[in-house]
Amino acid sequence: MSVTLLAGSATASVAVAVENPAAASAAAVAATAPVENLIVGYKSSATEASSNTAAADDAAAKGKKAGKKAKFDRRLGTGAALVNLGGTVAPAEAADVMAQFRADPDVAYVEPDTRAYATAVTPNDTEYAKQWDLFEPTAGMNVPAAWDKTTGSGVTVAVIDTGYVAHSDLASNIVAGYDFISSATYARDGGGRDSNPADEGDWNATDGECGLNSKASNSSWHGTHVAGTIAAATNNSKGVAGIAYGAKIQPVRVLGKCGGSTSDIVDAITWASGGSVAGVPANATPAKVINMSLGGPGACGTSYQNAINAAVARGTTVVVAAGNSNADAAGFSPASCNNVINVAASNRAGDRSYYSNYGAIIDIAAPGGETRRATDTPGTVTTPENAILSTLNAGTTTPGAENYKPYQGTSMAAPHVAGLAALLKSANSALTPAQIEAAIKNNARPLAGTCTGGCGTGLADAAATVAAVTSTPPAGKYFENTADVTIGDNTTVESPLTVSGVTGNAPATLKVGVNIAHTYIGDLKVDLVAPDGSVYTVHNRSGSGTDNINQVYTVNASSEVANGTWKLRVNDNAGGDTGKIDSWNLTF
């Protein structure tokens, strides 16, 4: 189910982060994977940023200097240029071409067009009574009580994945999507991009077919499984229930044979959220939630980050899987990107699933299940009842009969949170992506078990979160300042917030919601200043050239008296980029 493909080691690489013991380790594959394309972002002042002719001339010239036939392929939805290297080349050869681009002061960034992969596994059977992940008190997500207030109607969720294979338990909730796989070889549909997002199967027949150490595997029908968790038809006397069963699913195909490329995924994010992509018709039903149950090793690249930032700016909440390598999620992409809700997987006992990535970068945990125990023989399916049951297909390569099977993975955890985001947006259409993320994190409950390494604020709780956004925040508990404060170059500014009516001290888990619009957050130091002048730093010049801070921080302010004037202090430490404090809030 997971394979590796086109990536470059010296210049970054992406391989599958999947819970598949038979598959090669992502890092091992990535180190030797070839590179076919580069993504080049030009500075806005450069001619190449707007002229395809100039970009083509530049690519050819730089390729020639490096001894390669580089050529301009197309413009991505983010404005970056896709440069083809004339076939797959070794990582070292790709690095030579990238060095030419990096030496050009008109180039903002260059990175390999890496590949991402589905992050789940296989097994069997059906019905709502088996969906422990929705209702069991120990480790379920408390979904049924949320349905009293919302079912997700009016919201479209884009599933950026393997596409959609027809299933009667999903058909009524599917809206028009798109196939963004630009390679006919990987798409298996006889051509490149088109308006048909049908899943043609992501099998590979032989070991090594998708890169060194990759293994033969059957088709996963991964996107259909993810879609069923989010919005399978419900109360229809068959199959499984979707978390946001009143919502619509927009299948956006980016993963085919040997995974999917960054350039295709970036364009998919842009289009799904209502942005423009050259050569692709406008999206008639832009998604307010995007689910990406895909990824691989490596820090978040500029291409991913730019596309995600633009999607969030359009009002789309982006949910991603943390990855299945039992490692720190900070080393995986797009899990390590800013402006996303990064989801770890928990099991039926309420522990972190043995395969799930973890770390300080995790926002929330959700049921991902376990088809086997960590100590069971790899490749076996010993506990299918403890996995996540959803819609699937019985075909081993090409589509066969529809069915239902339990999978495990952070791929299964992410759609739980995407479904919850759809419930929230339906219940309160005014919510921004930052507010949706804050609500999910602030209303989580502690995991019943343990999470070594960190699982965010706990287990997502649908009923508690929906209740929080459909009622007025309790008096004296939630405070917000929405007045804009301009952040100039090399300046320090403050935004005050007066708290009253709260008894005693602030909590040890004071939630600080920060929404800052700024084009280079690596310039910024952000502090929370207590009424007595004590300073708590929440952001200290990290993130380099990433745009905007939309995040909820947790501060131990238990030594501070709650009532009084709190301040958000922002220090800009460099020239060239400016912005504003858009809003900030405190939740006691």
Protein backbone atom coordinates (compact mmCIF):
# COMPACT_ATOMS: atom_id res chain seq x y z
CA MET A 1 0.00 0.00 0.00
CA SER A 2 2.89 2.27 0.41
CA VAL A 3 5.73 2.83 -1.96
CA THR A 4 8.41 5.34 -2.67
CA LEU A 5 9.13 7.41 -5.73
CA LEU A 6 10.77 10.50 -7.14
CA ALA A 7 12.64 12.27 -4.42
CA GLY A 8 16.06 13.68 -3.86
CA SER A 9 18.14 13.17 -0.79
CA ALA A 10 20.66 15.97 -0.73
CA THR A 11 17.85 18.28 -1.66
CA ALA A 12 15.04 16.73 0.45
CA SER A 13 12.88 13.75 -0.17
CA VAL A 14 9.47 12.33 0.52
CA ALA A 15 8.59 8.69 0.99
CA VAL A 16 5.58 7.01 2.47
CA ALA A 17 4.90 7.31 6.16
CA VAL A 18 2.64 4.29 6.44
CA GLU A 19 1.92 1.59 8.97
CA ASN A 20 2.91 -1.20 6.64
CA PRO A 21 5.60 -3.50 8.04
CA ALA A 22 6.29 -4.94 4.58
CA ALA A 23 7.13 -1.56 3.11
CA ALA A 24 10.62 -0.11 3.11
CA SER A 25 11.41 2.55 5.65
CA ALA A 26 10.67 5.99 4.24
CA ALA A 27 14.06 7.35 5.16
CA ALA A 28 15.91 4.48 3.50
CA VAL A 29 14.04 4.94 0.24
CA ALA A 30 14.30 8.72 0.31
CA ALA A 31 18.07 8.63 0.55
CA THR A 32 18.42 7.04 -2.88
CA ALA A 33 15.28 8.15 -4.70
CA PRO A 34 15.75 9.99 -8.00
CA VAL A 35 14.49 13.48 -8.86
CA GLU A 36 12.51 14.40 -11.97
CA ASN A 37 11.29 17.96 -11.33
CA LEU A 38 12.22 21.03 -9.30
CA ILE A 39 9.88 23.68 -7.91
CA VAL A 40 11.31 27.18 -8.25
CA GLY A 41 9.84 30.21 -6.51
CA TYR A 42 10.99 33.55 -7.88
CA LYS A 43 10.90 36.80 -5.95
CA SER A 44 7.96 38.99 -6.96
CA SER A 45 10.33 41.58 -8.44
CA ALA A 46 11.83 39.06 -10.89
CA THR A 47 10.62 38.92 -14.50
CA GLU A 48 10.51 35.12 -14.22
CA ALA A 49 7.84 35.41 -11.53
CA SER A 50 5.24 36.52 -14.08
CA SER A 51 6.66 35.57 -17.47
CA ASN A 52 6.64 31.92 -18.52
CA THR A 53 9.01 32.76 -21.36
CA ALA A 54 11.53 34.29 -19.00
CA ALA A 55 11.17 31.33 -16.63
CA ALA A 56 11.75 28.93 -19.52
CA ASP A 57 14.87 30.79 -20.65
CA ASP A 58 16.18 30.88 -17.08
CA ALA A 59 15.61 27.14 -16.54
CA ALA A 60 17.40 26.26 -19.77
CA ALA A 61 20.36 28.50 -18.94
CA LYS A 62 20.79 27.16 -15.43
CA GLY A 63 20.41 23.58 -16.59
CA LYS A 64 23.10 24.12 -19.21
CA LYS A 65 25.51 25.43 -16.56
CA ALA A 66 24.93 22.28 -14.54
CA GLY A 67 25.17 20.00 -17.57
CA LYS A 68 21.46 19.15 -17.62
CA LYS A 69 18.58 19.78 -20.01
CA ALA A 70 16.30 21.64 -17.62
CA LYS A 71 13.11 23.12 -19.04
CA PHE A 72 10.11 25.05 -17.74
CA ASP A 73 7.09 22.76 -17.46
CA ARG A 74 4.23 24.82 -16.04
CA ARG A 75 3.20 27.42 -13.48
CA LEU A 76 1.84 26.09 -10.17
CA GLY A 77 -1.18 27.57 -8.44
CA THR A 78 1.14 29.31 -5.98
CA GLY A 79 2.95 31.10 -8.81
CA ALA A 80 6.07 28.93 -8.58
CA ALA A 81 7.61 27.37 -11.68
CA LEU A 82 7.85 23.61 -12.21
CA VAL A 83 11.15 22.78 -13.91
CA ASN A 84 11.64 19.40 -15.59
CA LEU A 85 15.14 17.88 -15.51
CA GLY A 86 14.63 15.83 -18.68
CA GLY A 87 13.99 12.57 -16.87
CA THR A 88 14.88 11.15 -13.49
CA VAL A 89 18.35 12.06 -12.22
CA ALA A 90 20.39 11.14 -9.16
CA PRO A 91 20.05 13.36 -6.08
CA ALA A 92 23.59 14.71 -6.53
CA GLU A 93 22.85 15.76 -10.12
CA ALA A 94 19.63 17.49 -9.04
CA ALA A 95 21.64 19.29 -6.37
CA ASP A 96 23.93 20.72 -9.06
CA VAL A 97 20.96 22.29 -10.85
CA MET A 98 19.47 23.54 -7.59
CA ALA A 99 22.78 25.19 -6.74
CA GLN A 100 22.49 27.28 -9.90
CA PHE A 101 19.05 28.51 -8.86
CA ARG A 102 20.11 29.16 -5.27
CA ALA A 103 22.99 31.35 -6.50
CA ASP A 104 20.51 33.63 -8.30
CA PRO A 105 19.37 36.56 -6.11
CA ASP A 106 16.04 36.61 -7.99
CA VAL A 107 15.17 33.11 -6.73
CA ALA A 108 13.30 32.97 -3.41
CA TYR A 109 13.54 29.19 -3.07
CA VAL A 110 14.08 25.97 -4.99
CA GLU A 111 13.20 22.46 -3.85
CA PRO A 112 12.75 19.03 -5.40
CA ASP A 113 9.27 17.97 -6.51
CA THR A 114 9.05 15.20 -3.93
CA ARG A 115 6.38 12.58 -3.52
CA ALA A 116 3.85 11.94 -0.74
CA TYR A 117 1.98 8.74 0.01
CA ALA A 118 -1.12 7.38 1.71
CA THR A 119 -0.68 6.72 5.43
CA ALA A 120 -2.81 3.69 6.35
CA VAL A 121 -3.16 -0.12 6.28
CA THR A 122 -5.68 -2.96 5.53
CA PRO A 123 -8.32 -5.70 6.95
CA ASN A 124 -12.38 -6.52 7.33
CA ASP A 125 -16.31 -6.19 8.09
CA THR A 126 -19.29 -3.76 8.77
CA GLU A 127 -21.92 -1.65 10.73
CA TYR A 128 -22.28 1.20 13.14
CA ALA A 129 -22.05 -0.99 16.26
CA LYS A 130 -18.45 -1.67 15.26
CA GLN A 131 -17.56 2.00 15.06
CA TRP A 132 -16.15 2.28 18.58
CA ASP A 133 -14.20 5.33 17.44
CA LEU A 134 -17.40 7.38 17.31
CA PHE A 135 -19.12 6.49 20.57
CA GLU A 136 -17.18 4.40 23.10
CA PRO A 137 -16.63 6.42 26.31
CA THR A 138 -13.03 5.31 26.84
CA ALA A 139 -11.48 6.33 23.53
CA GLY A 140 -14.30 7.28 21.17
CA MET A 141 -14.67 10.83 19.89
CA ASN A 142 -18.12 11.47 21.44
CA VAL A 143 -19.73 12.08 18.05
CA PRO A 144 -23.42 11.08 18.49
CA ALA A 145 -24.12 13.87 20.99
CA ALA A 146 -22.81 16.41 18.47
CA TRP A 147 -25.37 15.25 15.88
CA ASP A 148 -28.11 16.81 18.00
CA LYS A 149 -26.79 20.21 16.89
CA THR A 150 -25.12 19.67 13.50
CA THR A 151 -24.43 17.04 10.86
CA GLY A 152 -22.15 19.12 8.65
CA SER A 153 -24.73 20.29 6.10
CA GLY A 154 -23.62 23.07 3.79
CA VAL A 155 -19.91 22.22 4.07
CA THR A 156 -17.71 20.62 1.42
CA VAL A 157 -14.67 18.62 2.54
CA ALA A 158 -11.93 18.03 -0.02
CA VAL A 159 -10.19 14.68 0.37
CA ILE A 160 -6.81 15.13 -1.29
CA ASP A 161 -5.87 11.48 -1.73
CA THR A 162 -6.10 8.54 -4.16
CA GLY A 163 -9.44 9.66 -5.61
CA TYR A 164 -12.81 7.93 -5.24
CA VAL A 165 -13.98 4.46 -6.21
CA ALA A 166 -17.78 4.23 -6.48
CA HIS A 167 -19.51 3.15 -3.27
CA SER A 168 -23.25 3.20 -2.59
CA ASP A 169 -22.67 4.30 1.01
CA LEU A 170 -20.92 7.45 -0.21
CA ALA A 171 -22.46 8.26 -3.58
CA SER A 172 -25.13 10.65 -2.28
CA ASN A 173 -22.48 12.84 -0.64
CA ILE A 174 -19.99 13.12 -3.50
CA VAL A 175 -19.58 16.38 -5.46
CA ALA A 176 -17.43 17.04 -8.52
CA GLY A 177 -13.71 16.81 -7.89
CA TYR A 178 -10.58 16.70 -10.04
CA ASP A 179 -7.66 14.46 -10.95
CA PHE A 180 -4.41 16.40 -10.44
CA ILE A 181 -1.98 13.59 -11.28
CA SER A 182 -0.06 15.11 -14.17
CA SER A 183 1.81 11.93 -15.16
CA ALA A 184 -0.13 9.43 -17.28
CA THR A 185 2.13 6.64 -16.02
CA TYR A 186 1.27 7.25 -12.39
CA ALA A 187 -2.37 8.15 -13.09
CA ARG A 188 -3.14 4.91 -14.98
CA ASP A 189 -6.07 6.58 -16.72
CA GLY A 190 -4.57 7.07 -20.15
CA GLY A 191 -3.74 10.74 -19.69
CA GLY A 192 -2.72 13.46 -17.31
CA ARG A 193 -4.93 15.84 -15.38
CA ASP A 194 -8.66 15.72 -15.99
CA SER A 195 -12.03 16.27 -14.34
CA ASN A 196 -12.50 12.61 -13.37
CA PRO A 197 -11.07 11.86 -9.90
CA ALA A 198 -11.84 8.12 -10.13
CA ASP A 199 -9.36 5.97 -8.22
CA GLU A 200 -7.68 3.75 -10.84
CA GLY A 201 -5.73 1.82 -8.21
CA ASP A 202 -2.35 2.50 -6.61
CA TRP A 203 -0.94 -1.04 -6.73
CA ASN A 204 2.58 -1.84 -7.85
CA ALA A 205 3.34 -5.29 -9.16
CA THR A 206 6.98 -5.86 -8.24
CA ASP A 207 9.49 -5.02 -5.55
CA GLY A 208 11.63 -2.03 -6.44
CA GLU A 209 9.12 -0.70 -8.95
CA CYS A 210 8.74 2.58 -7.08
CA GLY A 211 12.33 3.05 -5.95
CA LEU A 212 14.98 1.15 -4.06
CA ASN A 213 13.53 -1.07 -1.29
CA SER A 214 9.91 -0.44 -2.32
CA LYS A 215 7.67 -3.49 -2.13
CA ALA A 216 4.90 -4.89 -4.31
CA SER A 217 1.46 -4.06 -2.93
CA ASN A 218 -2.24 -4.17 -3.77
CA SER A 219 -4.42 -1.12 -4.32
CA SER A 220 -5.43 0.61 -1.10
CA TRP A 221 -8.58 2.53 -2.15
CA HIS A 222 -7.31 4.85 0.56
CA GLY A 223 -9.24 7.99 -0.44
CA THR A 224 -12.54 6.13 -0.31
CA HIS A 225 -11.81 4.84 3.20
CA VAL A 226 -10.93 8.35 4.37
CA ALA A 227 -14.06 9.79 2.74
CA GLY A 228 -16.32 7.26 4.48
CA THR A 229 -15.05 8.27 7.91
CA ILE A 230 -15.84 11.89 7.13
CA ALA A 231 -19.19 11.66 5.39
CA ALA A 232 -20.56 8.18 4.70
CA ALA A 233 -24.34 8.30 4.29
CA THR A 234 -26.05 7.72 7.64
CA ASN A 235 -29.46 6.46 8.74
CA ASN A 236 -29.72 4.61 5.42
CA SER A 237 -29.95 1.10 6.93
CA LYS A 238 -26.56 -0.03 5.63
CA GLY A 239 -22.85 0.17 6.26
CA VAL A 240 -21.16 2.78 8.40
CA ALA A 241 -21.94 6.27 9.67
CA GLY A 242 -19.94 9.34 8.68
CA ILE A 243 -18.91 11.88 11.29
CA ALA A 244 -20.22 14.80 9.22
CA TYR A 245 -22.77 12.83 7.23
CA GLY A 246 -24.59 15.99 6.14
CA ALA A 247 -21.43 17.34 4.47
CA LYS A 248 -20.25 16.75 0.92
CA ILE A 249 -17.02 15.07 -0.14
CA GLN A 250 -14.93 16.48 -2.99
CA PRO A 251 -12.47 13.82 -4.20
CA VAL A 252 -9.21 15.41 -5.33
CA ARG A 253 -6.86 12.82 -6.78
CA VAL A 254 -3.11 13.28 -6.24
CA LEU A 255 -1.91 9.80 -5.24
CA GLY A 256 -1.59 7.06 -7.85
CA LYS A 257 1.04 4.51 -8.65
CA CYS A 258 4.13 5.29 -6.53
CA GLY A 259 2.47 8.02 -4.49
CA GLY A 260 2.11 11.63 -5.56
CA SER A 261 4.28 14.66 -6.31
CA THR A 262 4.51 17.87 -4.31
CA SER A 263 3.71 19.93 -7.41
CA ASP A 264 0.44 18.06 -7.98
CA ILE A 265 -0.50 18.22 -4.29
CA VAL A 266 0.26 21.96 -4.11
CA ASP A 267 -2.01 22.63 -7.07
CA ALA A 268 -4.68 20.40 -5.52
CA ILE A 269 -4.59 22.40 -2.28
CA THR A 270 -4.86 25.63 -4.26
CA TRP A 271 -7.79 24.46 -6.40
CA ALA A 272 -9.69 22.71 -3.61
CA SER A 273 -9.69 25.89 -1.52
CA GLY A 274 -10.95 28.05 -4.39
CA GLY A 275 -7.66 29.27 -5.85
CA SER A 276 -6.75 29.37 -9.54
CA VAL A 277 -4.56 26.77 -11.24
CA ALA A 278 -3.51 27.27 -14.86
CA GLY A 279 -5.30 24.94 -17.25
CA VAL A 280 -7.81 23.75 -14.64
CA PRO A 281 -11.45 24.97 -14.57
CA ALA A 282 -12.48 26.92 -11.50
CA ASN A 283 -13.77 24.88 -8.57
CA ALA A 284 -17.55 25.34 -8.49
CA THR A 285 -17.79 24.11 -4.89
CA PRO A 286 -14.65 25.21 -3.00
CA ALA A 287 -13.99 23.24 0.15
CA LYS A 288 -14.07 24.79 3.62
CA VAL A 289 -12.12 21.80 4.98
CA ILE A 290 -9.22 19.92 3.38
CA ASN A 291 -8.08 16.49 4.59
CA MET A 292 -4.58 15.32 3.69
CA SER A 293 -3.90 11.81 4.98
CA LEU A 294 -0.56 11.70 3.19
CA GLY A 295 3.05 12.64 3.73
CA GLY A 296 6.63 11.61 4.08
CA PRO A 297 9.91 12.52 5.78
CA GLY A 298 11.46 15.99 5.65
CA ALA A 299 10.63 19.43 6.98
CA CYS A 300 7.77 21.37 5.43
CA GLY A 301 8.91 22.91 2.15
CA THR A 302 8.10 26.40 0.95
CA SER A 303 5.84 25.05 -1.79
CA TYR A 304 3.62 23.23 0.69
CA GLN A 305 3.64 26.12 3.14
CA ASN A 306 2.71 28.74 0.54
CA ALA A 307 -0.20 26.65 -0.73
CA ILE A 308 -1.46 25.94 2.79
CA ASN A 309 -1.17 29.59 3.85
CA ALA A 310 -3.15 30.67 0.80
CA ALA A 311 -5.83 28.04 1.45
CA VAL A 312 -6.22 29.15 5.07
CA ALA A 313 -6.36 32.78 3.93
CA ARG A 314 -9.33 31.78 1.74
CA GLY A 315 -11.06 30.40 4.83
CA THR A 316 -10.26 26.70 4.42
CA THR A 317 -9.23 24.60 7.42
CA VAL A 318 -6.40 22.19 6.55
CA VAL A 319 -6.15 18.89 8.47
CA VAL A 320 -3.12 16.60 8.07
CA ALA A 321 -2.03 13.19 9.33
CA ALA A 322 0.99 13.17 11.66
CA GLY A 323 2.52 10.09 10.01
CA ASN A 324 3.02 6.46 11.02
CA SER A 325 6.73 6.14 11.74
CA ASN A 326 6.63 6.23 15.57
CA ALA A 327 8.84 9.32 15.39
CA ASP A 328 8.73 13.06 16.02
CA ALA A 329 6.24 14.55 13.56
CA ALA A 330 8.50 17.62 13.21
CA GLY A 331 10.54 15.56 10.75
CA PHE A 332 7.64 14.89 8.37
CA SER A 333 5.75 16.89 5.78
CA PRO A 334 3.09 18.27 5.49
CA ALA A 335 2.70 17.40 9.19
CA SER A 336 5.42 19.91 10.08
CA CYS A 337 3.81 22.78 8.16
CA ASN A 338 2.31 25.76 9.96
CA ASN A 339 -1.40 26.64 9.63
CA VAL A 340 -2.53 23.00 9.73
CA ILE A 341 -4.24 20.83 12.33
CA ASN A 342 -1.73 18.02 12.85
CA VAL A 343 -3.42 14.81 14.05
CA ALA A 344 -1.86 11.89 15.92
CA ALA A 345 -3.57 8.49 16.22
CA SER A 346 -4.92 6.91 19.41
CA ASN A 347 -6.09 3.33 19.99
CA ARG A 348 -9.19 1.78 21.53
CA ALA A 349 -7.64 1.86 25.01
CA GLY A 350 -6.88 5.56 24.73
CA ASP A 351 -3.11 5.24 24.29
CA ARG A 352 -1.11 6.65 21.43
CA SER A 353 -1.22 4.03 18.67
CA TYR A 354 2.16 2.30 18.54
CA TYR A 355 2.87 3.49 14.97
CA SER A 356 1.72 7.12 15.37
CA ASN A 357 4.13 10.02 15.14
CA TYR A 358 4.20 12.32 18.16
CA GLY A 359 5.85 15.49 19.46
CA ALA A 360 5.39 19.14 20.37
CA ILE A 361 4.13 19.88 16.87
CA ILE A 362 1.05 17.63 17.30
CA ASP A 363 -2.17 19.59 17.79
CA ILE A 364 -4.68 16.88 18.68
CA ALA A 365 -5.19 13.12 18.82
CA ALA A 366 -8.10 11.18 17.28
CA PRO A 367 -8.94 7.49 16.86
CA GLY A 368 -6.62 5.79 14.38
CA GLY A 369 -7.00 2.26 15.68
CA GLU A 370 -4.76 -0.79 15.67
CA THR A 371 -5.28 -3.86 13.48
CA ARG A 372 -2.61 -5.60 15.52
CA ARG A 373 -0.78 -5.05 18.79
CA ALA A 374 2.70 -3.59 18.72
CA THR A 375 4.11 -6.95 19.86
CA ASP A 376 2.25 -9.02 17.26
CA THR A 377 4.05 -10.33 14.20
CA PRO A 378 4.43 -7.54 11.62
CA GLY A 379 2.08 -7.98 8.69
CA THR A 380 -0.56 -9.85 10.69
CA VAL A 381 -4.10 -8.71 11.40
CA THR A 382 -4.92 -9.87 14.89
CA THR A 383 -7.30 -7.19 16.19
CA PRO A 384 -9.44 -5.93 13.29
CA GLU A 385 -12.17 -4.99 15.76
CA ASN A 386 -9.83 -2.34 17.19
CA ALA A 387 -9.26 -0.55 13.88
CA ILE A 388 -11.34 2.04 12.00
CA LEU A 389 -14.12 0.58 9.86
CA SER A 390 -15.05 2.46 6.69
CA THR A 391 -16.02 2.24 3.03
CA LEU A 392 -13.67 0.38 0.68
CA ASN A 393 -13.38 -1.82 -2.41
CA ALA A 394 -12.50 -5.49 -2.81
CA GLY A 395 -10.38 -5.10 -5.95
CA THR A 396 -6.74 -6.07 -5.50
CA THR A 397 -5.57 -3.90 -8.40
CA THR A 398 -8.40 -2.37 -10.42
CA PRO A 399 -11.84 -1.70 -8.83
CA GLY A 400 -13.99 -4.66 -7.84
CA ALA A 401 -17.05 -4.96 -5.60
CA GLU A 402 -17.66 -2.37 -2.89
CA ASN A 403 -17.10 -3.47 0.70
CA TYR A 404 -16.10 -2.25 4.16
CA LYS A 405 -12.80 -2.89 5.93
CA PRO A 406 -10.99 -1.75 9.06
CA TYR A 407 -7.76 0.19 8.53
CA GLN A 408 -5.32 1.65 11.04
CA GLY A 409 -3.18 4.77 10.73
CA THR A 410 -2.93 8.48 11.27
CA SER A 411 -4.67 8.51 7.88
CA MET A 412 -7.72 7.29 9.76
CA ALA A 413 -7.25 9.76 12.64
CA ALA A 414 -7.06 12.87 10.43
CA PRO A 415 -10.51 12.42 8.81
CA HIS A 416 -12.06 12.20 12.28
CA VAL A 417 -10.82 15.75 12.86
CA ALA A 418 -11.71 16.87 9.32
CA GLY A 419 -15.25 15.61 9.96
CA LEU A 420 -15.33 17.51 13.25
CA ALA A 421 -14.12 20.67 11.49
CA ALA A 422 -17.03 20.29 9.05
CA LEU A 423 -19.47 19.94 11.95
CA LEU A 424 -18.10 23.15 13.48
CA LYS A 425 -18.20 25.13 10.24
CA SER A 426 -21.77 23.98 9.63
CA ALA A 427 -22.82 24.88 13.17
CA ASN A 428 -21.20 28.33 13.01
CA SER A 429 -20.37 29.49 9.50
CA ALA A 430 -18.51 32.57 10.77
CA LEU A 431 -15.72 30.49 12.29
CA THR A 432 -12.27 31.05 10.80
CA PRO A 433 -9.74 28.21 10.40
CA ALA A 434 -7.84 29.55 13.42
CA GLN A 435 -11.00 29.56 15.50
CA ILE A 436 -11.88 26.03 14.41
CA GLU A 437 -8.41 24.81 15.37
CA ALA A 438 -8.60 26.62 18.72
CA ALA A 439 -12.03 25.18 19.47
CA ILE A 440 -10.92 21.60 18.72
CA LYS A 441 -7.78 21.93 20.84
CA ASN A 442 -9.38 23.82 23.71
CA ASN A 443 -12.23 21.33 24.09
CA ALA A 444 -10.25 18.10 23.90
CA ARG A 445 -10.34 15.70 26.81
CA PRO A 446 -7.33 13.91 28.30
CA LEU A 447 -6.41 10.59 26.72
CA ALA A 448 -7.58 7.67 28.85
CA GLY A 449 -4.17 6.06 28.42
CA THR A 450 -0.71 7.42 27.76
CA CYS A 451 1.04 9.26 24.97
CA THR A 452 4.80 9.03 25.09
CA GLY A 453 6.29 11.96 23.19
CA GLY A 454 3.23 14.23 23.10
CA CYS A 455 -0.24 14.07 21.51
CA GLY A 456 -1.26 17.72 21.54
CA THR A 457 -4.05 18.84 23.85
CA GLY A 458 -5.60 15.38 24.09
CA LEU A 459 -8.38 13.40 22.39
CA ALA A 460 -10.74 15.38 20.17
CA ASP A 461 -14.26 15.53 21.63
CA ALA A 462 -16.96 16.28 19.06
CA ALA A 463 -19.85 17.00 21.41
CA ALA A 464 -17.85 19.30 23.69
CA THR A 465 -16.38 21.22 20.75
CA VAL A 466 -19.69 21.68 18.94
CA ALA A 467 -21.28 22.84 22.19
CA ALA A 468 -18.51 25.38 22.66
CA VAL A 469 -19.02 27.03 19.26
CA THR A 470 -22.81 27.03 19.43
CA SER A 471 -23.10 28.76 22.78
CA THR A 472 -21.82 32.04 24.17
CA PRO A 473 -18.46 31.59 25.91
CA PRO A 474 -18.96 31.52 29.69
CA ALA A 475 -18.72 34.96 31.30
CA GLY A 476 -15.29 35.62 32.70
CA LYS A 477 -13.73 32.70 30.80
CA TYR A 478 -13.04 33.90 27.26
CA PHE A 479 -11.61 37.28 26.27
CA GLU A 480 -10.62 38.58 22.84
CA ASN A 481 -9.15 41.71 21.25
CA THR A 482 -9.90 41.97 17.52
CA ALA A 483 -8.46 45.47 16.99
CA ASP A 484 -5.69 45.53 14.37
CA VAL A 485 -2.25 46.68 15.55
CA THR A 486 0.29 47.48 12.83
CA ILE A 487 3.70 45.80 13.16
CA GLY A 488 6.38 47.92 11.52
CA ASP A 489 9.98 46.99 10.73
CA ASN A 490 12.22 46.85 13.81
CA THR A 491 9.44 47.94 16.15
CA THR A 492 7.75 46.62 19.28
CA VAL A 493 3.97 46.87 19.60
CA GLU A 494 1.43 45.74 22.18
CA SER A 495 -2.24 44.84 22.16
CA PRO A 496 -4.03 45.00 25.55
CA LEU A 497 -6.77 42.73 26.86
CA THR A 498 -8.60 43.40 30.10
CA VAL A 499 -9.73 40.36 32.08
CA SER A 500 -12.33 40.67 34.83
CA GLY A 501 -14.74 38.44 36.72
CA VAL A 502 -12.35 35.49 37.00
CA THR A 503 -11.73 34.19 40.51
CA GLY A 504 -8.17 33.61 41.69
CA ASN A 505 -5.17 32.90 39.53
CA ALA A 506 -4.92 32.02 35.86
CA PRO A 507 -4.72 28.28 35.07
CA ALA A 508 -1.62 26.23 34.41
CA THR A 509 -3.08 25.64 30.94
CA LEU A 510 -3.97 29.20 29.94
CA LYS A 511 -4.81 29.15 26.22
CA VAL A 512 -3.38 32.02 24.20
CA GLY A 513 -4.84 32.29 20.69
CA VAL A 514 -2.64 34.37 18.38
CA ASN A 515 -3.58 35.55 14.87
CA ILE A 516 -0.81 37.64 13.29
CA ALA A 517 -0.59 38.52 9.60
CA HIS A 518 3.09 38.93 8.71
CA THR A 519 5.10 37.87 5.66
CA TYR A 520 8.18 36.59 7.54
CA ILE A 521 7.44 35.22 11.00
CA GLY A 522 11.11 34.46 11.56
CA ASP A 523 11.44 38.21 12.26
CA LEU A 524 9.03 38.04 15.18
CA LYS A 525 9.28 37.49 18.90
CA VAL A 526 5.84 37.19 20.54
CA ASP A 527 5.32 37.48 24.31
CA LEU A 528 2.33 37.27 26.61
CA VAL A 529 2.72 39.93 29.32
CA ALA A 530 0.83 39.30 32.57
CA PRO A 531 -0.80 42.14 34.56
CA ASP A 532 2.21 42.24 36.93
CA GLY A 533 4.66 42.54 34.02
CA SER A 534 5.81 38.90 33.95
CA VAL A 535 6.70 37.82 30.41
CA TYR A 536 5.89 34.47 28.78
CA THR A 537 7.43 33.94 25.34
CA VAL A 538 5.22 31.94 22.96
CA HIS A 539 7.08 32.48 19.66
CA ASN A 540 10.74 33.35 19.28
CA ARG A 541 11.88 34.03 15.71
CA SER A 542 11.17 30.54 14.38
CA GLY A 543 9.53 29.67 11.07
CA SER A 544 11.93 31.73 8.89
CA GLY A 545 10.08 32.95 5.78
CA THR A 546 6.72 31.40 6.63
CA ASP A 547 3.71 33.73 6.44
CA ASN A 548 1.38 34.39 9.38
CA ILE A 549 0.91 32.99 12.88
CA ASN A 550 -2.46 31.35 13.52
CA GLN A 551 -1.93 29.23 16.59
CA VAL A 552 -3.11 28.48 20.10
CA TYR A 553 -0.35 28.33 22.71
CA THR A 554 -0.59 26.88 26.21
CA VAL A 555 1.05 28.91 29.00
CA ASN A 556 1.52 27.94 32.64
CA ALA A 557 0.27 31.17 34.22
CA SER A 558 -0.80 29.63 37.51
CA SER A 559 1.32 32.12 39.48
CA GLU A 560 -0.51 35.09 37.95
CA VAL A 561 -3.69 36.78 39.21
CA ALA A 562 -6.22 36.34 36.41
CA ASN A 563 -7.91 39.74 36.56
CA GLY A 564 -6.14 42.75 35.12
CA THR A 565 -4.71 43.95 31.82
CA TRP A 566 -2.81 41.33 29.86
CA LYS A 567 -0.84 42.28 26.74
CA LEU A 568 0.37 40.57 23.60
CA ARG A 569 3.77 42.08 22.80
CA VAL A 570 5.25 41.62 19.33
CA ASN A 571 8.82 42.59 18.50
CA ASP A 572 9.85 42.80 14.83
CA ASN A 573 13.61 42.22 14.71
CA ALA A 574 14.41 42.88 11.04
CA GLY A 575 13.60 45.02 8.02
CA GLY A 576 11.81 44.18 4.81
CA ASP A 577 8.61 42.56 6.10
CA THR A 578 5.70 44.06 8.02
CA GLY A 579 2.27 43.00 9.19
CA LYS A 580 -0.29 43.35 11.96
CA ILE A 581 -1.76 41.73 15.04
CA ASP A 582 -5.11 40.72 13.60
CA SER A 583 -6.62 39.37 16.83
CA TRP A 584 -5.71 37.47 19.96
CA ASN A 585 -7.56 35.85 22.83
CA LEU A 586 -7.24 34.25 26.25
CA THR A 587 -9.25 31.26 27.44
CA PHE A 588 -9.22 30.64 31.21
